[in-house]
């Protein structure tokens, strides 16, 4: 499953939320701090995420590690397997095709429960 990661110039939270709204997505800003590696998981929504401040790293299902910093942009399909790694701490703006109130819990879903159509 493919995702797109780019490094651009840092942008403000307001600018990121404006870009997300222009894409027709539902925006949310939050602080993301991880003292331990997350387990591999997926989400039910498509997303575009911007790193506003801080640094961190994530790994995809193949163990490829990507480091993040302000200005990073990640676009991922629903079902993408990933995990945030320990030491990550930053302000993130995310846009999703589902409003936050429609996300089912848990948000981080077990790879064994991923529908076949999202594994392509």
PDB file of N, CA and C in Angstrom:
ATOM      1  N   UNK A   1       0.847  -1.164   0.000  1.00  0.00           N
ATOM      2  CA  UNK A   1       0.000   0.000   0.000  1.00  0.00           C
ATOM      3  C   UNK A   1       0.898   1.234   0.000  1.00  0.00           C
ATOM      4  N   UNK A   2       0.634   2.124  -0.895  1.00  0.00           N
ATOM      5  CA  UNK A   2       1.494   3.298  -1.074  1.00  0.00           C
ATOM      6  C   UNK A   2       1.016   4.498  -0.266  1.00  0.00           C
ATOM      7  N   UNK A   3       1.964   5.256   0.205  1.00  0.00           N
ATOM      8  CA  UNK A   3       1.710   6.534   0.850  1.00  0.00           C
ATOM      9  C   UNK A   3       2.679   7.528   0.233  1.00  0.00           C
ATOM     10  N   UNK A   4       2.380   8.808   0.399  1.00  0.00           N
ATOM     11  CA  UNK A   4       3.235   9.854  -0.169  1.00  0.00           C
ATOM     12  C   UNK A   4       3.762  10.739   0.947  1.00  0.00           C
ATOM     13  N   UNK A   5       5.075  10.846   1.036  1.00  0.00           N
ATOM     14  CA  UNK A   5       5.720  11.672   2.057  1.00  0.00           C
ATOM     15  C   UNK A   5       6.576  12.725   1.363  1.00  0.00           C
ATOM     16  N   UNK A   6       6.382  13.984   1.728  1.00  0.00           N
ATOM     17  CA  UNK A   6       7.173  15.069   1.157  1.00  0.00           C
ATOM     18  C   UNK A   6       7.661  15.991   2.261  1.00  0.00           C
ATOM     19  N   UNK A   7       8.779  16.637   1.999  1.00  0.00           N
ATOM     20  CA  UNK A   7       9.324  17.639   2.916  1.00  0.00           C
ATOM     21  C   UNK A   7       9.257  18.989   2.223  1.00  0.00           C
ATOM     22  N   UNK A   8       8.552  19.921   2.822  1.00  0.00           N
ATOM     23  CA  UNK A   8       8.443  21.265   2.283  1.00  0.00           C
ATOM     24  C   UNK A   8       8.859  22.279   3.320  1.00  0.00           C
ATOM     25  N   UNK A   9       8.563  23.520   3.032  1.00  0.00           N
ATOM     26  CA  UNK A   9       8.831  24.594   3.993  1.00  0.00           C
ATOM     27  C   UNK A   9       7.840  24.490   5.150  1.00  0.00           C
ATOM     28  N   UNK A  10       8.272  24.796   6.357  1.00  0.00           N
ATOM     29  CA  UNK A  10       7.335  24.779   7.491  1.00  0.00           C
ATOM     30  C   UNK A  10       6.140  25.702   7.232  1.00  0.00           C
ATOM     31  N   UNK A  11       4.979  25.280   7.715  1.00  0.00           N
ATOM     32  CA  UNK A  11       3.776  26.089   7.605  1.00  0.00           C
ATOM     33  C   UNK A  11       3.129  26.188   8.975  1.00  0.00           C
ATOM     34  N   UNK A  12       2.253  27.156   9.127  1.00  0.00           N
ATOM     35  CA  UNK A  12       1.563  27.340  10.404  1.00  0.00           C
ATOM     36  C   UNK A  12       0.368  26.395  10.501  1.00  0.00           C
ATOM     37  N   UNK A  13      -0.131  26.238  11.695  1.00  0.00           N
ATOM     38  CA  UNK A  13      -1.321  25.416  11.916  1.00  0.00           C
ATOM     39  C   UNK A  13      -2.492  25.961  11.099  1.00  0.00           C
ATOM     40  N   UNK A  14      -2.638  27.278  11.109  1.00  0.00           N
ATOM     41  CA  UNK A  14      -3.727  27.927  10.358  1.00  0.00           C
ATOM     42  C   UNK A  14      -3.607  27.628   8.858  1.00  0.00           C
ATOM     43  N   UNK A  15      -2.394  27.735   8.315  1.00  0.00           N
ATOM     44  CA  UNK A  15      -2.179  27.451   6.889  1.00  0.00           C
ATOM     45  C   UNK A  15      -2.500  25.996   6.559  1.00  0.00           C
ATOM     46  N   UNK A  16      -2.083  25.076   7.423  1.00  0.00           N
ATOM     47  CA  UNK A  16      -2.361  23.660   7.196  1.00  0.00           C
ATOM     48  C   UNK A  16      -3.864  23.389   7.229  1.00  0.00           C
ATOM     49  N   UNK A  17      -4.568  23.969   8.196  1.00  0.00           N
ATOM     50  CA  UNK A  17      -6.017  23.782   8.281  1.00  0.00           C
ATOM     51  C   UNK A  17      -6.714  24.369   7.051  1.00  0.00           C
ATOM     52  N   UNK A  18      -6.220  25.510   6.550  1.00  0.00           N
ATOM     53  CA  UNK A  18      -6.781  26.096   5.328  1.00  0.00           C
ATOM     54  C   UNK A  18      -6.578  25.170   4.132  1.00  0.00           C
ATOM     55  N   UNK A  19      -5.375  24.569   4.014  1.00  0.00           N
ATOM     56  CA  UNK A  19      -5.111  23.647   2.901  1.00  0.00           C
ATOM     57  C   UNK A  19      -6.014  22.422   2.982  1.00  0.00           C
ATOM     58  N   UNK A  20      -6.209  21.916   4.179  1.00  0.00           N
ATOM     59  CA  UNK A  20      -7.060  20.743   4.379  1.00  0.00           C
ATOM     60  C   UNK A  20      -8.509  21.062   4.008  1.00  0.00           C
ATOM     61  N   UNK A  21      -8.986  22.227   4.421  1.00  0.00           N
ATOM     62  CA  UNK A  21     -10.351  22.631   4.070  1.00  0.00           C
ATOM     63  C   UNK A  21     -10.496  22.769   2.556  1.00  0.00           C
ATOM     64  N   UNK A  22      -9.474  23.314   1.900  1.00  0.00           N
ATOM     65  CA  UNK A  22      -9.504  23.475   0.439  1.00  0.00           C
ATOM     66  C   UNK A  22      -9.548  22.120  -0.271  1.00  0.00           C
ATOM     67  N   UNK A  23      -9.033  21.064   0.370  1.00  0.00           N
ATOM     68  CA  UNK A  23      -9.074  19.712  -0.193  1.00  0.00           C
ATOM     69  C   UNK A  23     -10.414  19.025   0.080  1.00  0.00           C
ATOM     70  N   UNK A  24     -11.287  19.693   0.844  1.00  0.00           N
ATOM     71  CA  UNK A  24     -12.579  19.109   1.176  1.00  0.00           C
ATOM     72  C   UNK A  24     -12.508  18.086   2.291  1.00  0.00           C
ATOM     73  N   UNK A  25     -11.430  18.127   3.092  1.00  0.00           N
ATOM     74  CA  UNK A  25     -11.245  17.184   4.196  1.00  0.00           C
ATOM     75  C   UNK A  25     -11.638  17.809   5.523  1.00  0.00           C
ATOM     76  N   UNK A  26     -11.789  16.971   6.525  1.00  0.00           N
ATOM     77  CA  UNK A  26     -12.127  17.405   7.883  1.00  0.00           C
ATOM     78  C   UNK A  26     -10.832  17.547   8.668  1.00  0.00           C
ATOM     79  N   UNK A  27     -10.567  18.751   9.205  1.00  0.00           N
ATOM     80  CA  UNK A  27      -9.299  19.027   9.861  1.00  0.00           C
ATOM     81  C   UNK A  27      -9.345  18.929  11.368  1.00  0.00           C
ATOM     82  N   UNK A  28      -8.189  18.573  11.923  1.00  0.00           N
ATOM     83  CA  UNK A  28      -8.018  18.448  13.368  1.00  0.00           C
ATOM     84  C   UNK A  28      -6.555  18.703  13.697  1.00  0.00           C
ATOM     85  N   UNK A  29      -6.293  19.532  14.706  1.00  0.00           N
ATOM     86  CA  UNK A  29      -4.928  19.782  15.167  1.00  0.00           C
ATOM     87  C   UNK A  29      -4.764  19.148  16.541  1.00  0.00           C
ATOM     88  N   UNK A  30      -3.591  18.527  16.786  1.00  0.00           N
ATOM     89  CA  UNK A  30      -3.365  17.875  18.075  1.00  0.00           C
ATOM     90  C   UNK A  30      -1.874  17.733  18.343  1.00  0.00           C
ATOM     91  N   UNK A  31      -1.547  17.546  19.623  1.00  0.00           N
ATOM     92  CA  UNK A  31      -0.175  17.253  20.028  1.00  0.00           C
ATOM     93  C   UNK A  31      -0.018  15.740  20.041  1.00  0.00           C
ATOM     94  N   UNK A  32       1.064  15.265  19.436  1.00  0.00           N
ATOM     95  CA  UNK A  32       1.307  13.827  19.289  1.00  0.00           C
ATOM     96  C   UNK A  32       2.638  13.498  19.953  1.00  0.00           C
ATOM     97  N   UNK A  33       2.590  12.811  21.088  1.00  0.00           N
ATOM     98  CA  UNK A  33       3.795  12.495  21.861  1.00  0.00           C
ATOM     99  C   UNK A  33       3.830  10.985  22.108  1.00  0.00           C
ATOM    100  N   UNK A  34       4.989  10.381  21.823  1.00  0.00           N
ATOM    101  CA  UNK A  34       5.140   8.936  21.994  1.00  0.00           C
ATOM    102  C   UNK A  34       6.425   8.622  22.756  1.00  0.00           C
ATOM    103  N   UNK A  35       6.255   8.045  23.950  1.00  0.00           N
ATOM    104  CA  UNK A  35       7.394   7.627  24.756  1.00  0.00           C
ATOM    105  C   UNK A  35       7.805   6.191  24.421  1.00  0.00           C
ATOM    106  N   UNK A  36       6.920   5.454  23.767  1.00  0.00           N
ATOM    107  CA  UNK A  36       7.185   4.072  23.364  1.00  0.00           C
ATOM    108  C   UNK A  36       6.770   3.894  21.903  1.00  0.00           C
ATOM    109  N   UNK A  37       7.373   2.915  21.249  1.00  0.00           N
ATOM    110  CA  UNK A  37       6.953   2.588  19.885  1.00  0.00           C
ATOM    111  C   UNK A  37       5.504   2.124  19.907  1.00  0.00           C
ATOM    112  N   UNK A  38       4.724   2.617  18.946  1.00  0.00           N
ATOM    113  CA  UNK A  38       3.371   2.109  18.776  1.00  0.00           C
ATOM    114  C   UNK A  38       3.434   0.722  18.134  1.00  0.00           C
ATOM    115  N   UNK A  39       2.369  -0.034  18.285  1.00  0.00           N
ATOM    116  CA  UNK A  39       2.253  -1.288  17.551  1.00  0.00           C
ATOM    117  C   UNK A  39       1.785  -0.955  16.140  1.00  0.00           C
ATOM    118  N   UNK A  40       2.090  -1.825  15.212  1.00  0.00           N
ATOM    119  CA  UNK A  40       1.652  -1.651  13.836  1.00  0.00           C
ATOM    120  C   UNK A  40       0.127  -1.601  13.816  1.00  0.00           C
ATOM    121  N   UNK A  41      -0.426  -0.635  13.086  1.00  0.00           N
ATOM    122  CA  UNK A  41      -1.877  -0.459  13.045  1.00  0.00           C
ATOM    123  C   UNK A  41      -2.294   0.231  11.750  1.00  0.00           C
ATOM    124  N   UNK A  42      -3.600   0.393  11.573  1.00  0.00           N
ATOM    125  CA  UNK A  42      -4.167   1.093  10.425  1.00  0.00           C
ATOM    126  C   UNK A  42      -5.347   1.927  10.888  1.00  0.00           C
ATOM    127  N   UNK A  43      -5.799   2.828  10.010  1.00  0.00           N
ATOM    128  CA  UNK A  43      -6.968   3.661  10.295  1.00  0.00           C
ATOM    129  C   UNK A  43      -7.999   3.459   9.194  1.00  0.00           C
ATOM    130  N   UNK A  44      -9.252   3.708   9.520  1.00  0.00           N
ATOM    131  CA  UNK A  44     -10.344   3.509   8.568  1.00  0.00           C
ATOM    132  C   UNK A  44     -10.530   4.681   7.613  1.00  0.00           C
ATOM    133  N   UNK A  45      -9.753   5.730   7.781  1.00  0.00           N
ATOM    134  CA  UNK A  45      -9.917   6.939   6.978  1.00  0.00           C
ATOM    135  C   UNK A  45      -8.671   7.246   6.153  1.00  0.00           C
ATOM    136  N   UNK A  46      -8.884   7.917   5.033  1.00  0.00           N
ATOM    137  CA  UNK A  46      -7.783   8.480   4.256  1.00  0.00           C
ATOM    138  C   UNK A  46      -7.321   9.723   4.994  1.00  0.00           C
ATOM    139  N   UNK A  47      -6.034  10.064   4.877  1.00  0.00           N
ATOM    140  CA  UNK A  47      -5.564  11.225   5.619  1.00  0.00           C
ATOM    141  C   UNK A  47      -4.447  11.976   4.903  1.00  0.00           C
ATOM    142  N   UNK A  48      -4.363  13.248   5.252  1.00  0.00           N
ATOM    143  CA  UNK A  48      -3.240  14.104   4.896  1.00  0.00           C
ATOM    144  C   UNK A  48      -2.816  14.741   6.207  1.00  0.00           C
ATOM    145  N   UNK A  49      -1.538  14.595   6.562  1.00  0.00           N
ATOM    146  CA  UNK A  49      -1.044  15.135   7.833  1.00  0.00           C
ATOM    147  C   UNK A  49       0.142  16.052   7.588  1.00  0.00           C
ATOM    148  N   UNK A  50       0.178  17.141   8.332  1.00  0.00           N
ATOM    149  CA  UNK A  50       1.269  18.114   8.284  1.00  0.00           C
ATOM    150  C   UNK A  50       1.938  18.174   9.653  1.00  0.00           C
ATOM    151  N   UNK A  51       3.266  18.162   9.695  1.00  0.00           N
ATOM    152  CA  UNK A  51       3.987  18.377  10.947  1.00  0.00           C
ATOM    153  C   UNK A  51       4.183  19.888  11.081  1.00  0.00           C
ATOM    154  N   UNK A  52       3.625  20.450  12.141  1.00  0.00           N
ATOM    155  CA  UNK A  52       3.709  21.892  12.382  1.00  0.00           C
ATOM    156  C   UNK A  52       4.939  22.222  13.213  1.00  0.00           C
ATOM    157  N   UNK A  53       5.186  21.420  14.243  1.00  0.00           N
ATOM    158  CA  UNK A  53       6.366  21.626  15.090  1.00  0.00           C
ATOM    159  C   UNK A  53       6.804  20.287  15.664  1.00  0.00           C
ATOM    160  N   UNK A  54       8.048  20.241  16.125  1.00  0.00           N
ATOM    161  CA  UNK A  54       8.581  19.021  16.717  1.00  0.00           C
ATOM    162  C   UNK A  54       9.209  18.101  15.692  1.00  0.00           C
ATOM    163  N   UNK A  55       9.651  16.963  16.187  1.00  0.00           N
ATOM    164  CA  UNK A  55      10.296  15.963  15.330  1.00  0.00           C
ATOM    165  C   UNK A  55       9.825  14.575  15.744  1.00  0.00           C
ATOM    166  N   UNK A  56      10.093  13.614  14.895  1.00  0.00           N
ATOM    167  CA  UNK A  56       9.725  12.251  15.210  1.00  0.00           C
ATOM    168  C   UNK A  56      10.079  11.315  14.089  1.00  0.00           C
ATOM    169  N   UNK A  57       9.498  10.130  14.154  1.00  0.00           N
ATOM    170  CA  UNK A  57       9.710   9.150  13.101  1.00  0.00           C
ATOM    171  C   UNK A  57       8.584   8.130  13.142  1.00  0.00           C
ATOM    172  N   UNK A  58       8.375   7.520  11.981  1.00  0.00           N
ATOM    173  CA  UNK A  58       7.397   6.446  11.874  1.00  0.00           C
ATOM    174  C   UNK A  58       7.980   5.353  10.995  1.00  0.00           C
ATOM    175  N   UNK A  59       7.410   4.163  11.122  1.00  0.00           N
ATOM    176  CA  UNK A  59       7.823   3.023  10.294  1.00  0.00           C
ATOM    177  C   UNK A  59       6.597   2.493   9.564  1.00  0.00           C
ATOM    178  N   UNK A  60       6.812   2.076   8.324  1.00  0.00           N
ATOM    179  CA  UNK A  60       5.717   1.457   7.583  1.00  0.00           C
ATOM    180  C   UNK A  60       5.725  -0.050   7.849  1.00  0.00           C
ATOM    181  N   UNK A  61       4.842  -0.775   7.185  1.00  0.00           N
ATOM    182  CA  UNK A  61       4.703  -2.213   7.435  1.00  0.00           C
ATOM    183  C   UNK A  61       5.932  -3.017   7.057  1.00  0.00           C
ATOM    184  N   UNK A  62       6.824  -2.442   6.245  1.00  0.00           N
ATOM    185  CA  UNK A  62       8.049  -3.129   5.835  1.00  0.00           C
ATOM    186  C   UNK A  62       9.242  -2.760   6.717  1.00  0.00           C
ATOM    187  N   UNK A  63       8.999  -1.896   7.724  1.00  0.00           N
ATOM    188  CA  UNK A  63      10.066  -1.479   8.616  1.00  0.00           C
ATOM    189  C   UNK A  63      10.859  -0.287   8.123  1.00  0.00           C
ATOM    190  N   UNK A  64      10.456   0.301   7.000  1.00  0.00           N
ATOM    191  CA  UNK A  64      11.128   1.506   6.501  1.00  0.00           C
ATOM    192  C   UNK A  64      10.833   2.665   7.446  1.00  0.00           C
ATOM    193  N   UNK A  65      11.869   3.298   7.951  1.00  0.00           N
ATOM    194  CA  UNK A  65      11.712   4.388   8.913  1.00  0.00           C
ATOM    195  C   UNK A  65      11.852   5.726   8.196  1.00  0.00           C
ATOM    196  N   UNK A  66      10.934   6.634   8.506  1.00  0.00           N
ATOM    197  CA  UNK A  66      10.946   7.987   7.961  1.00  0.00           C
ATOM    198  C   UNK A  66      10.995   8.956   9.130  1.00  0.00           C
ATOM    199  N   UNK A  67      11.883   9.938   9.058  1.00  0.00           N
ATOM    200  CA  UNK A  67      12.012  10.961  10.095  1.00  0.00           C
ATOM    201  C   UNK A  67      11.194  12.185   9.694  1.00  0.00           C
ATOM    202  N   UNK A  68      10.572  12.800  10.683  1.00  0.00           N
ATOM    203  CA  UNK A  68       9.700  13.941  10.420  1.00  0.00           C
ATOM    204  C   UNK A  68      10.188  15.193  11.132  1.00  0.00           C
ATOM    205  N   UNK A  69       9.822  16.331  10.555  1.00  0.00           N
ATOM    206  CA  UNK A  69      10.150  17.644  11.116  1.00  0.00           C
ATOM    207  C   UNK A  69       9.147  18.638  10.542  1.00  0.00           C
ATOM    208  N   UNK A  70       9.138  19.873  11.022  1.00  0.00           N
ATOM    209  CA  UNK A  70       8.192  20.850  10.486  1.00  0.00           C
ATOM    210  C   UNK A  70       8.305  20.965   8.963  1.00  0.00           C
ATOM    211  N   UNK A  71       7.134  21.018   8.321  1.00  0.00           N
ATOM    212  CA  UNK A  71       7.070  21.103   6.870  1.00  0.00           C
ATOM    213  C   UNK A  71       6.820  19.773   6.194  1.00  0.00           C
ATOM    214  N   UNK A  72       6.882  18.677   6.948  1.00  0.00           N
ATOM    215  CA  UNK A  72       6.599  17.365   6.370  1.00  0.00           C
ATOM    216  C   UNK A  72       5.105  17.241   6.087  1.00  0.00           C
ATOM    217  N   UNK A  73       4.821  16.509   5.028  1.00  0.00           N
ATOM    218  CA  UNK A  73       3.431  16.232   4.647  1.00  0.00           C
ATOM    219  C   UNK A  73       3.344  14.749   4.301  1.00  0.00           C
ATOM    220  N   UNK A  74       2.347  14.084   4.877  1.00  0.00           N
ATOM    221  CA  UNK A  74       2.128  12.663   4.641  1.00  0.00           C
ATOM    222  C   UNK A  74       0.700  12.473   4.163  1.00  0.00           C
ATOM    223  N   UNK A  75       0.553  11.823   3.027  1.00  0.00           N
ATOM    224  CA  UNK A  75      -0.768  11.478   2.521  1.00  0.00           C
ATOM    225  C   UNK A  75      -0.849   9.963   2.492  1.00  0.00           C
ATOM    226  N   UNK A  76      -1.890   9.422   3.137  1.00  0.00           N
ATOM    227  CA  UNK A  76      -1.991   7.965   3.269  1.00  0.00           C
ATOM    228  C   UNK A  76      -3.421   7.501   3.017  1.00  0.00           C
ATOM    229  N   UNK A  77      -3.550   6.348   2.378  1.00  0.00           N
ATOM    230  CA  UNK A  77      -4.885   5.782   2.159  1.00  0.00           C
ATOM    231  C   UNK A  77      -5.409   5.099   3.416  1.00  0.00           C
ATOM    232  N   UNK A  78      -6.707   4.905   3.465  1.00  0.00           N
ATOM    233  CA  UNK A  78      -7.292   4.100   4.532  1.00  0.00           C
ATOM    234  C   UNK A  78      -6.668   2.714   4.461  1.00  0.00           C
ATOM    235  N   UNK A  79      -6.380   2.131   5.617  1.00  0.00           N
ATOM    236  CA  UNK A  79      -5.816   0.786   5.666  1.00  0.00           C
ATOM    237  C   UNK A  79      -4.299   0.720   5.682  1.00  0.00           C
ATOM    238  N   UNK A  80      -3.628   1.865   5.533  1.00  0.00           N
ATOM    239  CA  UNK A  80      -2.156   1.878   5.501  1.00  0.00           C
ATOM    240  C   UNK A  80      -1.596   1.446   6.858  1.00  0.00           C
ATOM    241  N   UNK A  81      -0.709   0.442   6.854  1.00  0.00           N
ATOM    242  CA  UNK A  81      -0.099  -0.060   8.084  1.00  0.00           C
ATOM    243  C   UNK A  81       1.141   0.766   8.432  1.00  0.00           C
ATOM    244  N   UNK A  82       1.200   1.214   9.686  1.00  0.00           N
ATOM    245  CA  UNK A  82       2.305   2.063  10.139  1.00  0.00           C
ATOM    246  C   UNK A  82       2.350   2.077  11.662  1.00  0.00           C
ATOM    247  N   UNK A  83       3.408   2.678  12.189  1.00  0.00           N
ATOM    248  CA  UNK A  83       3.513   2.898  13.634  1.00  0.00           C
ATOM    249  C   UNK A  83       4.428   4.077  13.890  1.00  0.00           C
ATOM    250  N   UNK A  84       4.055   4.903  14.847  1.00  0.00           N
ATOM    251  CA  UNK A  84       4.897   6.018  15.274  1.00  0.00           C
ATOM    252  C   UNK A  84       5.916   5.464  16.260  1.00  0.00           C
ATOM    253  N   UNK A  85       7.132   5.965  16.171  1.00  0.00           N
ATOM    254  CA  UNK A  85       8.214   5.435  16.998  1.00  0.00           C
ATOM    255  C   UNK A  85       8.476   6.313  18.220  1.00  0.00           C
ATOM    256  N   UNK A  86       9.025   5.700  19.260  1.00  0.00           N
ATOM    257  CA  UNK A  86       9.343   6.393  20.512  1.00  0.00           C
ATOM    258  C   UNK A  86      10.215   7.604  20.246  1.00  0.00           C
ATOM    259  N   UNK A  87       9.979   8.645  21.025  1.00  0.00           N
ATOM    260  CA  UNK A  87      10.752   9.874  20.891  1.00  0.00           C
ATOM    261  C   UNK A  87      10.094  10.901  19.995  1.00  0.00           C
ATOM    262  N   UNK A  88       8.979  10.529  19.383  1.00  0.00           N
ATOM    263  CA  UNK A  88       8.249  11.467  18.533  1.00  0.00           C
ATOM    264  C   UNK A  88       7.433  12.405  19.408  1.00  0.00           C
ATOM    265  N   UNK A  89       7.530  13.695  19.125  1.00  0.00           N
ATOM    266  CA  UNK A  89       6.754  14.700  19.859  1.00  0.00           C
ATOM    267  C   UNK A  89       6.578  15.908  18.957  1.00  0.00           C
ATOM    268  N   UNK A  90       5.336  16.233  18.664  1.00  0.00           N
ATOM    269  CA  UNK A  90       5.115  17.376  17.802  1.00  0.00           C
ATOM    270  C   UNK A  90       3.661  17.766  17.714  1.00  0.00           C
ATOM    271  N   UNK A  91       3.431  18.873  17.061  1.00  0.00           N
ATOM    272  CA  UNK A  91       2.081  19.366  16.764  1.00  0.00           C
ATOM    273  C   UNK A  91       1.765  18.928  15.345  1.00  0.00           C
ATOM    274  N   UNK A  92       0.622  18.268  15.185  1.00  0.00           N
ATOM    275  CA  UNK A  92       0.213  17.698  13.907  1.00  0.00           C
ATOM    276  C   UNK A  92      -1.137  18.282  13.513  1.00  0.00           C
ATOM    277  N   UNK A  93      -1.298  18.545  12.236  1.00  0.00           N
ATOM    278  CA  UNK A  93      -2.610  18.864  11.678  1.00  0.00           C
ATOM    279  C   UNK A  93      -2.939  17.751  10.706  1.00  0.00           C
ATOM    280  N   UNK A  94      -4.102  17.144  10.903  1.00  0.00           N
ATOM    281  CA  UNK A  94      -4.520  16.042  10.040  1.00  0.00           C
ATOM    282  C   UNK A  94      -5.848  16.386   9.381  1.00  0.00           C
ATOM    283  N   UNK A  95      -5.975  15.986   8.147  1.00  0.00           N
ATOM    284  CA  UNK A  95      -7.238  16.091   7.436  1.00  0.00           C
ATOM    285  C   UNK A  95      -7.663  14.694   7.031  1.00  0.00           C
ATOM    286  N   UNK A  96      -8.934  14.371   7.241  1.00  0.00           N
ATOM    287  CA  UNK A  96      -9.434  13.033   6.916  1.00  0.00           C
ATOM    288  C   UNK A  96     -10.716  13.126   6.098  1.00  0.00           C
ATOM    289  N   UNK A  97     -10.999  12.058   5.378  1.00  0.00           N
ATOM    290  CA  UNK A  97     -12.227  12.021   4.600  1.00  0.00           C
ATOM    291  C   UNK A  97     -13.446  11.699   5.467  1.00  0.00           C
ATOM    292  N   UNK A  98     -13.242  11.284   6.711  1.00  0.00           N
ATOM    293  CA  UNK A  98     -14.335  11.060   7.663  1.00  0.00           C
ATOM    294  C   UNK A  98     -14.234  12.086   8.787  1.00  0.00           C
ATOM    295  N   UNK A  99     -15.338  12.692   9.193  1.00  0.00           N
ATOM    296  CA  UNK A  99     -15.285  13.594  10.350  1.00  0.00           C
ATOM    297  C   UNK A  99     -14.880  12.820  11.609  1.00  0.00           C
ATOM    298  N   UNK A 100     -14.188  13.495  12.516  1.00  0.00           N
ATOM    299  CA  UNK A 100     -13.710  12.875  13.756  1.00  0.00           C
ATOM    300  C   UNK A 100     -14.826  12.115  14.474  1.00  0.00           C
ATOM    301  N   UNK A 101     -16.013  12.667  14.529  1.00  0.00           N
ATOM    302  CA  UNK A 101     -17.129  12.039  15.238  1.00  0.00           C
ATOM    303  C   UNK A 101     -17.583  10.721  14.643  1.00  0.00           C
ATOM    304  N   UNK A 102     -17.149  10.398  13.410  1.00  0.00           N
ATOM    305  CA  UNK A 102     -17.521   9.146  12.767  1.00  0.00           C
ATOM    306  C   UNK A 102     -16.426   8.080  12.849  1.00  0.00           C
ATOM    307  N   UNK A 103     -15.262   8.421  13.437  1.00  0.00           N
ATOM    308  CA  UNK A 103     -14.207   7.425  13.590  1.00  0.00           C
ATOM    309  C   UNK A 103     -14.690   6.370  14.589  1.00  0.00           C
ATOM    310  N   UNK A 104     -14.440   5.099  14.290  1.00  0.00           N
ATOM    311  CA  UNK A 104     -14.791   4.049  15.246  1.00  0.00           C
ATOM    312  C   UNK A 104     -13.579   3.771  16.138  1.00  0.00           C
ATOM    313  N   UNK A 105     -13.865   3.286  17.315  1.00  0.00           N
ATOM    314  CA  UNK A 105     -12.823   3.018  18.291  1.00  0.00           C
ATOM    315  C   UNK A 105     -12.513   1.532  18.317  1.00  0.00           C
ATOM    316  N   UNK A 106     -11.294   1.146  18.565  1.00  0.00           N
ATOM    317  CA  UNK A 106     -10.163   2.049  18.731  1.00  0.00           C
ATOM    318  C   UNK A 106      -9.762   2.658  17.380  1.00  0.00           C
ATOM    319  N   UNK A 107      -9.163   3.832  17.438  1.00  0.00           N
ATOM    320  CA  UNK A 107      -8.724   4.511  16.213  1.00  0.00           C
ATOM    321  C   UNK A 107      -7.603   3.710  15.564  1.00  0.00           C
ATOM    322  N   UNK A 108      -6.664   3.217  16.380  1.00  0.00           N
ATOM    323  CA  UNK A 108      -5.570   2.380  15.881  1.00  0.00           C
ATOM    324  C   UNK A 108      -6.073   0.941  15.817  1.00  0.00           C
ATOM    325  N   UNK A 109      -6.236   0.436  14.605  1.00  0.00           N
ATOM    326  CA  UNK A 109      -6.852  -0.867  14.408  1.00  0.00           C
ATOM    327  C   UNK A 109      -5.813  -1.962  14.152  1.00  0.00           C
ATOM    328  N   UNK A 110      -6.118  -3.158  14.637  1.00  0.00           N
ATOM    329  CA  UNK A 110      -5.249  -4.330  14.526  1.00  0.00           C
ATOM    330  C   UNK A 110      -5.115  -4.748  13.063  1.00  0.00           C
ATOM    331  N   UNK A 111      -3.883  -5.014  12.599  1.00  0.00           N
ATOM    332  CA  UNK A 111      -3.700  -5.459  11.215  1.00  0.00           C
ATOM    333  C   UNK A 111      -4.530  -6.699  10.860  1.00  0.00           C
ATOM    334  N   UNK A 112      -4.774  -7.568  11.817  1.00  0.00           N
ATOM    335  CA  UNK A 112      -5.558  -8.779  11.557  1.00  0.00           C
ATOM    336  C   UNK A 112      -7.013  -8.452  11.215  1.00  0.00           C
ATOM    337  N   UNK A 113      -7.457  -7.251  11.589  1.00  0.00           N
ATOM    338  CA  UNK A 113      -8.847  -6.853  11.335  1.00  0.00           C
ATOM    339  C   UNK A 113      -9.002  -5.987  10.079  1.00  0.00           C
ATOM    340  N   UNK A 114      -7.920  -5.807   9.329  1.00  0.00           N
ATOM    341  CA  UNK A 114      -7.997  -4.949   8.133  1.00  0.00           C
ATOM    342  C   UNK A 114      -8.772  -5.675   7.033  1.00  0.00           C
ATOM    343  N   UNK A 115      -9.811  -5.016   6.482  1.00  0.00           N
ATOM    344  CA  UNK A 115     -10.561  -5.630   5.388  1.00  0.00           C
ATOM    345  C   UNK A 115      -9.670  -5.851   4.160  1.00  0.00           C
ATOM    346  N   UNK A 116      -9.953  -6.892   3.423  1.00  0.00           N
ATOM    347  CA  UNK A 116      -9.161  -7.242   2.249  1.00  0.00           C
ATOM    348  C   UNK A 116      -9.096  -6.085   1.269  1.00  0.00           C
ATOM    349  N   UNK A 117     -10.205  -5.362   1.074  1.00  0.00           N
ATOM    350  CA  UNK A 117     -10.208  -4.266   0.100  1.00  0.00           C
ATOM    351  C   UNK A 117      -9.302  -3.108   0.507  1.00  0.00           C
ATOM    352  N   UNK A 118      -8.926  -3.008   1.768  1.00  0.00           N
ATOM    353  CA  UNK A 118      -8.003  -1.958   2.216  1.00  0.00           C
ATOM    354  C   UNK A 118      -6.555  -2.438   2.206  1.00  0.00           C
ATOM    355  N   UNK A 119      -6.330  -3.686   1.920  1.00  0.00           N
ATOM    356  CA  UNK A 119      -4.974  -4.256   1.920  1.00  0.00           C
ATOM    357  C   UNK A 119      -4.316  -4.178   0.546  1.00  0.00           C
ATOM    358  N   UNK A 120      -5.007  -3.652  -0.416  1.00  0.00           N
ATOM    359  CA  UNK A 120      -4.506  -3.622  -1.797  1.00  0.00           C
ATOM    360  C   UNK A 120      -3.584  -2.423  -1.991  1.00  0.00           C
TER     361      UNK A 120
END
